[in-house]
Amino acid sequence: EPEPFAIAGATIAPGTARDVAFQITTLATGTPSALAI
């Protein structure tokens, strides 16, 4: 059995899918930006 996959503070169980995001920086307006995976 595969182990759960840990990324971006989330734990993804085997046989499942999940969208996660890594905050990168803040824009000139102060709005946060993130890399979606």
PDB file of all heavy atoms in Angstrom:
ATOM      1  N   GLU A   1       0.842  -1.184   0.000  1.00  0.00           N
ATOM      2  CA  GLU A   1       0.000   0.000   0.000  1.00  0.00           C
ATOM      3  C   GLU A   1       0.883   1.243   0.000  1.00  0.00           C
ATOM      4  O   GLU A   1       1.835   1.332   0.777  1.00  0.00           O
ATOM      5  CB  GLU A   1      -0.895   0.006   1.237  1.00  0.00           C
ATOM      6  CG  GLU A   1      -2.058  -0.959   1.152  1.00  0.00           C
ATOM      7  CD  GLU A   1      -3.073  -0.542   0.107  1.00  0.00           C
ATOM      8  OE1 GLU A   1      -3.289   0.684  -0.064  1.00  0.00           O
ATOM      9  OE2 GLU A   1      -3.634  -1.421  -0.559  1.00  0.00           O
ATOM     10  N   PRO A   2       0.611   2.228  -0.853  1.00  0.00           N
ATOM     11  CA  PRO A   2       1.408   3.452  -0.825  1.00  0.00           C
ATOM     12  C   PRO A   2       1.105   4.270   0.422  1.00  0.00           C
ATOM     13  O   PRO A   2       0.014   4.190   0.995  1.00  0.00           O
ATOM     14  CB  PRO A   2       0.954   4.192  -2.084  1.00  0.00           C
ATOM     15  CG  PRO A   2      -0.428   3.685  -2.337  1.00  0.00           C
ATOM     16  CD  PRO A   2      -0.428   2.253  -1.881  1.00  0.00           C
ATOM     17  N   GLU A   3       2.070   5.052   0.820  1.00  0.00           N
ATOM     18  CA  GLU A   3       1.877   5.959   1.950  1.00  0.00           C
ATOM     19  C   GLU A   3       1.091   7.192   1.487  1.00  0.00           C
ATOM     20  O   GLU A   3       1.087   7.526   0.303  1.00  0.00           O
ATOM     21  CB  GLU A   3       3.246   6.396   2.495  1.00  0.00           C
ATOM     22  CG  GLU A   3       4.082   5.267   3.078  1.00  0.00           C
ATOM     23  CD  GLU A   3       3.495   4.730   4.375  1.00  0.00           C
ATOM     24  OE1 GLU A   3       2.866   5.536   5.106  1.00  0.00           O
ATOM     25  OE2 GLU A   3       3.660   3.532   4.645  1.00  0.00           O
ATOM     26  N   PRO A   4       0.425   7.874   2.403  1.00  0.00           N
ATOM     27  CA  PRO A   4      -0.193   9.155   2.042  1.00  0.00           C
ATOM     28  C   PRO A   4       0.873  10.130   1.538  1.00  0.00           C
ATOM     29  O   PRO A   4       2.045  10.035   1.901  1.00  0.00           O
ATOM     30  CB  PRO A   4      -0.826   9.634   3.351  1.00  0.00           C
ATOM     31  CG  PRO A   4      -1.021   8.376   4.152  1.00  0.00           C
ATOM     32  CD  PRO A   4       0.129   7.486   3.793  1.00  0.00           C
ATOM     33  N   PHE A   5       0.459  11.063   0.697  1.00  0.00           N
ATOM     34  CA  PHE A   5       1.383  12.030   0.095  1.00  0.00           C
ATOM     35  C   PHE A   5       1.167  13.377   0.769  1.00  0.00           C
ATOM     36  O   PHE A   5       0.053  13.914   0.782  1.00  0.00           O
ATOM     37  CB  PHE A   5       1.111  12.136  -1.408  1.00  0.00           C
ATOM     38  CG  PHE A   5       2.148  12.898  -2.171  1.00  0.00           C
ATOM     39  CD1 PHE A   5       3.306  12.276  -2.606  1.00  0.00           C
ATOM     40  CD2 PHE A   5       1.965  14.246  -2.470  1.00  0.00           C
ATOM     41  CE1 PHE A   5       4.267  12.972  -3.327  1.00  0.00           C
ATOM     42  CE2 PHE A   5       2.917  14.953  -3.180  1.00  0.00           C
ATOM     43  CZ  PHE A   5       4.074  14.317  -3.615  1.00  0.00           C
ATOM     44  N   ALA A   6       2.231  13.920   1.357  1.00  0.00           N
ATOM     45  CA  ALA A   6       2.133  15.183   2.086  1.00  0.00           C
ATOM     46  C   ALA A   6       2.723  16.315   1.253  1.00  0.00           C
ATOM     47  O   ALA A   6       3.841  16.219   0.753  1.00  0.00           O
ATOM     48  CB  ALA A   6       2.867  15.082   3.418  1.00  0.00           C
ATOM     49  N   ILE A   7       1.941  17.398   1.117  1.00  0.00           N
ATOM     50  CA  ILE A   7       2.400  18.560   0.356  1.00  0.00           C
ATOM     51  C   ILE A   7       1.556  19.764   0.762  1.00  0.00           C
ATOM     52  O   ILE A   7       0.344  19.649   0.988  1.00  0.00           O
ATOM     53  CB  ILE A   7       2.286  18.304  -1.165  1.00  0.00           C
ATOM     54  CG1 ILE A   7       2.848  19.485  -1.964  1.00  0.00           C
ATOM     55  CG2 ILE A   7       0.864  17.979  -1.577  1.00  0.00           C
ATOM     56  CD1 ILE A   7       2.951  19.224  -3.460  1.00  0.00           C
ATOM     57  N   ALA A   8       2.215  20.914   0.878  1.00  0.00           N
ATOM     58  CA  ALA A   8       1.537  22.186   1.176  1.00  0.00           C
ATOM     59  C   ALA A   8       0.646  22.098   2.409  1.00  0.00           C
ATOM     60  O   ALA A   8      -0.435  22.679   2.445  1.00  0.00           O
ATOM     61  CB  ALA A   8       0.726  22.653  -0.037  1.00  0.00           C
ATOM     62  N   GLY A   9       1.088  21.344   3.405  1.00  0.00           N
ATOM     63  CA  GLY A   9       0.313  21.206   4.622  1.00  0.00           C
ATOM     64  C   GLY A   9      -0.867  20.276   4.518  1.00  0.00           C
ATOM     65  O   GLY A   9      -1.638  20.133   5.478  1.00  0.00           O
ATOM     66  N   ALA A  10      -1.034  19.644   3.347  1.00  0.00           N
ATOM     67  CA  ALA A  10      -2.149  18.718   3.140  1.00  0.00           C
ATOM     68  C   ALA A  10      -1.628  17.293   3.070  1.00  0.00           C
ATOM     69  O   ALA A  10      -0.485  17.052   2.689  1.00  0.00           O
ATOM     70  CB  ALA A  10      -2.899  19.060   1.860  1.00  0.00           C
ATOM     71  N   THR A  11      -2.469  16.348   3.432  1.00  0.00           N
ATOM     72  CA  THR A  11      -2.146  14.929   3.329  1.00  0.00           C
ATOM     73  C   THR A  11      -3.152  14.281   2.390  1.00  0.00           C
ATOM     74  O   THR A  11      -4.363  14.306   2.652  1.00  0.00           O
ATOM     75  CB  THR A  11      -2.192  14.247   4.707  1.00  0.00           C
ATOM     76  OG1 THR A  11      -1.256  14.899   5.578  1.00  0.00           O
ATOM     77  CG2 THR A  11      -1.827  12.783   4.591  1.00  0.00           C
ATOM     78  N   ILE A  12      -2.631  13.733   1.279  1.00  0.00           N
ATOM     79  CA  ILE A  12      -3.496  13.146   0.255  1.00  0.00           C
ATOM     80  C   ILE A  12      -3.450  11.630   0.387  1.00  0.00           C
ATOM     81  O   ILE A  12      -2.381  11.022   0.294  1.00  0.00           O
ATOM     82  CB  ILE A  12      -3.084  13.585  -1.159  1.00  0.00           C
ATOM     83  CG1 ILE A  12      -3.228  15.107  -1.297  1.00  0.00           C
ATOM     84  CG2 ILE A  12      -3.927  12.901  -2.221  1.00  0.00           C
ATOM     85  CD1 ILE A  12      -1.986  15.883  -1.162  1.00  0.00           C
ATOM     86  N   ALA A  13      -4.595  11.029   0.628  1.00  0.00           N
ATOM     87  CA  ALA A  13      -4.673   9.582   0.804  1.00  0.00           C
ATOM     88  C   ALA A  13      -4.494   8.874  -0.540  1.00  0.00           C
ATOM     89  O   ALA A  13      -4.808   9.433  -1.599  1.00  0.00           O
ATOM     90  CB  ALA A  13      -6.025   9.205   1.411  1.00  0.00           C
ATOM     91  N   PRO A  14      -3.988   7.631  -0.526  1.00  0.00           N
ATOM     92  CA  PRO A  14      -3.877   6.865  -1.772  1.00  0.00           C
ATOM     93  C   PRO A  14      -5.227   6.744  -2.471  1.00  0.00           C
ATOM     94  O   PRO A  14      -6.270   6.580  -1.834  1.00  0.00           O
ATOM     95  CB  PRO A  14      -3.369   5.498  -1.293  1.00  0.00           C
ATOM     96  CG  PRO A  14      -2.667   5.779  -0.005  1.00  0.00           C
ATOM     97  CD  PRO A  14      -3.437   6.889   0.627  1.00  0.00           C
ATOM     98  N   GLY A  15      -5.198   6.864  -3.794  1.00  0.00           N
ATOM     99  CA  GLY A  15      -6.414   6.737  -4.591  1.00  0.00           C
ATOM    100  C   GLY A  15      -7.287   7.977  -4.614  1.00  0.00           C
ATOM    101  O   GLY A  15      -8.450   7.914  -5.010  1.00  0.00           O
ATOM    102  N   THR A  16      -6.731   9.129  -4.191  1.00  0.00           N
ATOM    103  CA  THR A  16      -7.512  10.371  -4.170  1.00  0.00           C
ATOM    104  C   THR A  16      -6.739  11.497  -4.852  1.00  0.00           C
ATOM    105  O   THR A  16      -5.539  11.391  -5.101  1.00  0.00           O
ATOM    106  CB  THR A  16      -7.863  10.807  -2.733  1.00  0.00           C
ATOM    107  OG1 THR A  16      -6.655  11.165  -2.041  1.00  0.00           O
ATOM    108  CG2 THR A  16      -8.568   9.684  -1.985  1.00  0.00           C
ATOM    109  N   ALA A  17      -7.451  12.576  -5.131  1.00  0.00           N
ATOM    110  CA  ALA A  17      -6.857  13.765  -5.733  1.00  0.00           C
ATOM    111  C   ALA A  17      -7.209  14.976  -4.892  1.00  0.00           C
ATOM    112  O   ALA A  17      -8.258  15.014  -4.235  1.00  0.00           O
ATOM    113  CB  ALA A  17      -7.360  13.957  -7.160  1.00  0.00           C
ATOM    114  N   ARG A  18      -6.324  15.972  -4.939  1.00  0.00           N
ATOM    115  CA  ARG A  18      -6.592  17.188  -4.165  1.00  0.00           C
ATOM    116  C   ARG A  18      -5.861  18.362  -4.807  1.00  0.00           C
ATOM    117  O   ARG A  18      -4.740  18.218  -5.288  1.00  0.00           O
ATOM    118  CB  ARG A  18      -6.145  17.004  -2.719  1.00  0.00           C
ATOM    119  CG  ARG A  18      -6.462  18.191  -1.809  1.00  0.00           C
ATOM    120  CD  ARG A  18      -6.362  17.802  -0.361  1.00  0.00           C
ATOM    121  NE  ARG A  18      -6.592  18.936   0.521  1.00  0.00           N
ATOM    122  CZ  ARG A  18      -6.601  18.857   1.844  1.00  0.00           C
ATOM    123  NH1 ARG A  18      -6.410  17.678   2.433  1.00  0.00           N
ATOM    124  NH2 ARG A  18      -6.813  19.923   2.593  1.00  0.00           N
ATOM    125  N   ASP A  19      -6.494  19.520  -4.783  1.00  0.00           N
ATOM    126  CA  ASP A  19      -5.857  20.747  -5.250  1.00  0.00           C
ATOM    127  C   ASP A  19      -5.218  21.454  -4.060  1.00  0.00           C
ATOM    128  O   ASP A  19      -5.874  21.654  -3.018  1.00  0.00           O
ATOM    129  CB  ASP A  19      -6.882  21.672  -5.909  1.00  0.00           C
ATOM    130  CG  ASP A  19      -7.457  21.082  -7.182  1.00  0.00           C
ATOM    131  OD1 ASP A  19      -6.844  20.153  -7.735  1.00  0.00           O
ATOM    132  OD2 ASP A  19      -8.524  21.556  -7.620  1.00  0.00           O
ATOM    133  N   VAL A  20      -3.945  21.832  -4.218  1.00  0.00           N
ATOM    134  CA  VAL A  20      -3.226  22.535  -3.163  1.00  0.00           C
ATOM    135  C   VAL A  20      -2.620  23.798  -3.759  1.00  0.00           C
ATOM    136  O   VAL A  20      -2.563  23.967  -4.981  1.00  0.00           O
ATOM    137  CB  VAL A  20      -2.127  21.654  -2.530  1.00  0.00           C
ATOM    138  CG1 VAL A  20      -2.723  20.396  -1.932  1.00  0.00           C
ATOM    139  CG2 VAL A  20      -1.052  21.298  -3.558  1.00  0.00           C
ATOM    140  N   ALA A  21      -2.179  24.695  -2.894  1.00  0.00           N
ATOM    141  CA  ALA A  21      -1.594  25.955  -3.364  1.00  0.00           C
ATOM    142  C   ALA A  21      -0.464  26.372  -2.445  1.00  0.00           C
ATOM    143  O   ALA A  21      -0.538  26.199  -1.223  1.00  0.00           O
ATOM    144  CB  ALA A  21      -2.657  27.042  -3.430  1.00  0.00           C
ATOM    145  N   PHE A  22       0.591  26.922  -3.045  1.00  0.00           N
ATOM    146  CA  PHE A  22       1.714  27.486  -2.302  1.00  0.00           C
ATOM    147  C   PHE A  22       1.694  28.999  -2.466  1.00  0.00           C
ATOM    148  O   PHE A  22       1.747  29.506  -3.591  1.00  0.00           O
ATOM    149  CB  PHE A  22       3.046  26.950  -2.831  1.00  0.00           C
ATOM    150  CG  PHE A  22       3.303  25.510  -2.486  1.00  0.00           C
ATOM    151  CD1 PHE A  22       2.990  24.513  -3.390  1.00  0.00           C
ATOM    152  CD2 PHE A  22       3.856  25.160  -1.270  1.00  0.00           C
ATOM    153  CE1 PHE A  22       3.216  23.193  -3.083  1.00  0.00           C
ATOM    154  CE2 PHE A  22       4.095  23.843  -0.953  1.00  0.00           C
ATOM    155  CZ  PHE A  22       3.769  22.847  -1.856  1.00  0.00           C
ATOM    156  N   GLN A  23       1.590  29.723  -1.362  1.00  0.00           N
ATOM    157  CA  GLN A  23       1.660  31.175  -1.469  1.00  0.00           C
ATOM    158  C   GLN A  23       3.072  31.575  -1.867  1.00  0.00           C
ATOM    159  O   GLN A  23       4.056  31.071  -1.312  1.00  0.00           O
ATOM    160  CB  GLN A  23       1.276  31.854  -0.151  1.00  0.00           C
ATOM    161  CG  GLN A  23       1.264  33.376  -0.269  1.00  0.00           C
ATOM    162  CD  GLN A  23       0.643  34.069   0.925  1.00  0.00           C
ATOM    163  OE1 GLN A  23      -0.193  33.497   1.607  1.00  0.00           O
ATOM    164  NE2 GLN A  23       1.060  35.298   1.169  1.00  0.00           N
ATOM    165  N   ILE A  24       3.152  32.488  -2.829  1.00  0.00           N
ATOM    166  CA  ILE A  24       4.462  32.903  -3.331  1.00  0.00           C
ATOM    167  C   ILE A  24       4.877  34.231  -2.724  1.00  0.00           C
ATOM    168  O   ILE A  24       5.891  34.354  -2.054  1.00  0.00           O
ATOM    169  CB  ILE A  24       4.422  33.019  -4.874  1.00  0.00           C
ATOM    170  CG1 ILE A  24       4.029  31.680  -5.490  1.00  0.00           C
ATOM    171  CG2 ILE A  24       5.771  33.471  -5.413  1.00  0.00           C
ATOM    172  CD1 ILE A  24       3.648  31.775  -6.934  1.00  0.00           C
ATOM    173  N   THR A  25       4.073  35.265  -2.988  1.00  0.00           N
ATOM    174  CA  THR A  25       4.427  36.603  -2.537  1.00  0.00           C
ATOM    175  C   THR A  25       3.161  37.446  -2.545  1.00  0.00           C
ATOM    176  O   THR A  25       2.074  36.939  -2.831  1.00  0.00           O
ATOM    177  CB  THR A  25       5.493  37.222  -3.473  1.00  0.00           C
ATOM    178  OG1 THR A  25       5.971  38.444  -2.931  1.00  0.00           O
ATOM    179  CG2 THR A  25       4.948  37.452  -4.870  1.00  0.00           C
ATOM    180  N   THR A  26       3.270  38.716  -2.218  1.00  0.00           N
ATOM    181  CA  THR A  26       2.138  39.633  -2.323  1.00  0.00           C
ATOM    182  C   THR A  26       2.399  40.625  -3.449  1.00  0.00           C
ATOM    183  O   THR A  26       3.538  41.045  -3.681  1.00  0.00           O
ATOM    184  CB  THR A  26       1.906  40.398  -1.008  1.00  0.00           C
ATOM    185  OG1 THR A  26       3.130  41.014  -0.601  1.00  0.00           O
ATOM    186  CG2 THR A  26       1.430  39.460   0.081  1.00  0.00           C
ATOM    187  N   LEU A  27       1.321  40.969  -4.170  1.00  0.00           N
ATOM    188  CA  LEU A  27       1.428  41.913  -5.273  1.00  0.00           C
ATOM    189  C   LEU A  27       1.459  43.344  -4.744  1.00  0.00           C
ATOM    190  O   LEU A  27       1.346  43.591  -3.542  1.00  0.00           O
ATOM    191  CB  LEU A  27       0.247  41.708  -6.220  1.00  0.00           C
ATOM    192  CG  LEU A  27       0.078  40.286  -6.766  1.00  0.00           C
ATOM    193  CD1 LEU A  27      -1.158  40.204  -7.658  1.00  0.00           C
ATOM    194  CD2 LEU A  27       1.318  39.853  -7.536  1.00  0.00           C
ATOM    195  N   ALA A  28       1.589  44.301  -5.654  1.00  0.00           N
ATOM    196  CA  ALA A  28       1.673  45.703  -5.248  1.00  0.00           C
ATOM    197  C   ALA A  28       0.430  46.159  -4.497  1.00  0.00           C
ATOM    198  O   ALA A  28       0.496  47.071  -3.668  1.00  0.00           O
ATOM    199  CB  ALA A  28       1.889  46.581  -6.482  1.00  0.00           C
ATOM    200  N   THR A  29      -0.692  45.536  -4.763  1.00  0.00           N
ATOM    201  CA  THR A  29      -1.933  45.887  -4.070  1.00  0.00           C
ATOM    202  C   THR A  29      -2.051  45.218  -2.703  1.00  0.00           C
ATOM    203  O   THR A  29      -3.009  45.458  -1.978  1.00  0.00           O
ATOM    204  CB  THR A  29      -3.146  45.459  -4.918  1.00  0.00           C
ATOM    205  OG1 THR A  29      -3.063  44.046  -5.144  1.00  0.00           O
ATOM    206  CG2 THR A  29      -3.152  46.179  -6.259  1.00  0.00           C
ATOM    207  N   GLY A  30      -1.099  44.356  -2.376  1.00  0.00           N
ATOM    208  CA  GLY A  30      -1.170  43.603  -1.138  1.00  0.00           C
ATOM    209  C   GLY A  30      -1.877  42.276  -1.291  1.00  0.00           C
ATOM    210  O   GLY A  30      -1.977  41.501  -0.332  1.00  0.00           O
ATOM    211  N   THR A  31      -2.381  41.994  -2.495  1.00  0.00           N
ATOM    212  CA  THR A  31      -3.089  40.738  -2.748  1.00  0.00           C
ATOM    213  C   THR A  31      -2.109  39.573  -2.774  1.00  0.00           C
ATOM    214  O   THR A  31      -1.080  39.647  -3.459  1.00  0.00           O
ATOM    215  CB  THR A  31      -3.826  40.799  -4.102  1.00  0.00           C
ATOM    216  OG1 THR A  31      -4.653  41.960  -4.114  1.00  0.00           O
ATOM    217  CG2 THR A  31      -4.651  39.543  -4.327  1.00  0.00           C
ATOM    218  N   PRO A  32      -2.368  38.487  -2.053  1.00  0.00           N
ATOM    219  CA  PRO A  32      -1.465  37.338  -2.092  1.00  0.00           C
ATOM    220  C   PRO A  32      -1.583  36.590  -3.412  1.00  0.00           C
ATOM    221  O   PRO A  32      -2.630  36.610  -4.071  1.00  0.00           O
ATOM    222  CB  PRO A  32      -1.924  36.470  -0.919  1.00  0.00           C
ATOM    223  CG  PRO A  32      -3.363  36.830  -0.733  1.00  0.00           C
ATOM    224  CD  PRO A  32      -3.481  38.286  -1.091  1.00  0.00           C
ATOM    225  N   SER A  33      -0.495  35.949  -3.820  1.00  0.00           N
ATOM    226  CA  SER A  33      -0.488  35.134  -5.034  1.00  0.00           C
ATOM    227  C   SER A  33      -0.068  33.723  -4.656  1.00  0.00           C
ATOM    228  O   SER A  33       0.676  33.516  -3.699  1.00  0.00           O
ATOM    229  CB  SER A  33       0.484  35.710  -6.063  1.00  0.00           C
ATOM    230  OG  SER A  33       1.793  35.790  -5.514  1.00  0.00           O
ATOM    231  N   ALA A  34      -0.551  32.741  -5.434  1.00  0.00           N
ATOM    232  CA  ALA A  34      -0.277  31.354  -5.077  1.00  0.00           C
ATOM    233  C   ALA A  34      -0.068  30.511  -6.322  1.00  0.00           C
ATOM    234  O   ALA A  34      -0.637  30.783  -7.383  1.00  0.00           O
ATOM    235  CB  ALA A  34      -1.431  30.786  -4.249  1.00  0.00           C
ATOM    236  N   LEU A  35       0.750  29.473  -6.193  1.00  0.00           N
ATOM    237  CA  LEU A  35       0.993  28.482  -7.235  1.00  0.00           C
ATOM    238  C   LEU A  35       0.061  27.299  -6.991  1.00  0.00           C
ATOM    239  O   LEU A  35       0.133  26.643  -5.957  1.00  0.00           O
ATOM    240  CB  LEU A  35       2.449  28.015  -7.197  1.00  0.00           C
ATOM    241  CG  LEU A  35       2.850  26.932  -8.196  1.00  0.00           C
ATOM    242  CD1 LEU A  35       2.805  27.469  -9.624  1.00  0.00           C
ATOM    243  CD2 LEU A  35       4.254  26.400  -7.878  1.00  0.00           C
ATOM    244  N   ALA A  36      -0.838  27.037  -7.955  1.00  0.00           N
ATOM    245  CA  ALA A  36      -1.843  25.985  -7.804  1.00  0.00           C
ATOM    246  C   ALA A  36      -1.340  24.674  -8.401  1.00  0.00           C
ATOM    247  O   ALA A  36      -0.789  24.653  -9.502  1.00  0.00           O
ATOM    248  CB  ALA A  36      -3.140  26.403  -8.481  1.00  0.00           C
ATOM    249  N   ILE A  37      -1.558  23.574  -7.678  1.00  0.00           N
ATOM    250  CA  ILE A  37      -1.119  22.243  -8.105  1.00  0.00           C
ATOM    251  C   ILE A  37      -2.246  21.250  -7.828  1.00  0.00           C
ATOM    252  O   ILE A  37      -2.860  21.289  -6.758  1.00  0.00           O
ATOM    253  CB  ILE A  37       0.143  21.794  -7.336  1.00  0.00           C
ATOM    254  CG1 ILE A  37       1.269  22.808  -7.500  1.00  0.00           C
ATOM    255  CG2 ILE A  37       0.593  20.400  -7.766  1.00  0.00           C
ATOM    256  CD1 ILE A  37       2.452  22.561  -6.562  1.00  0.00           C
TER     257      ILE A  37
END
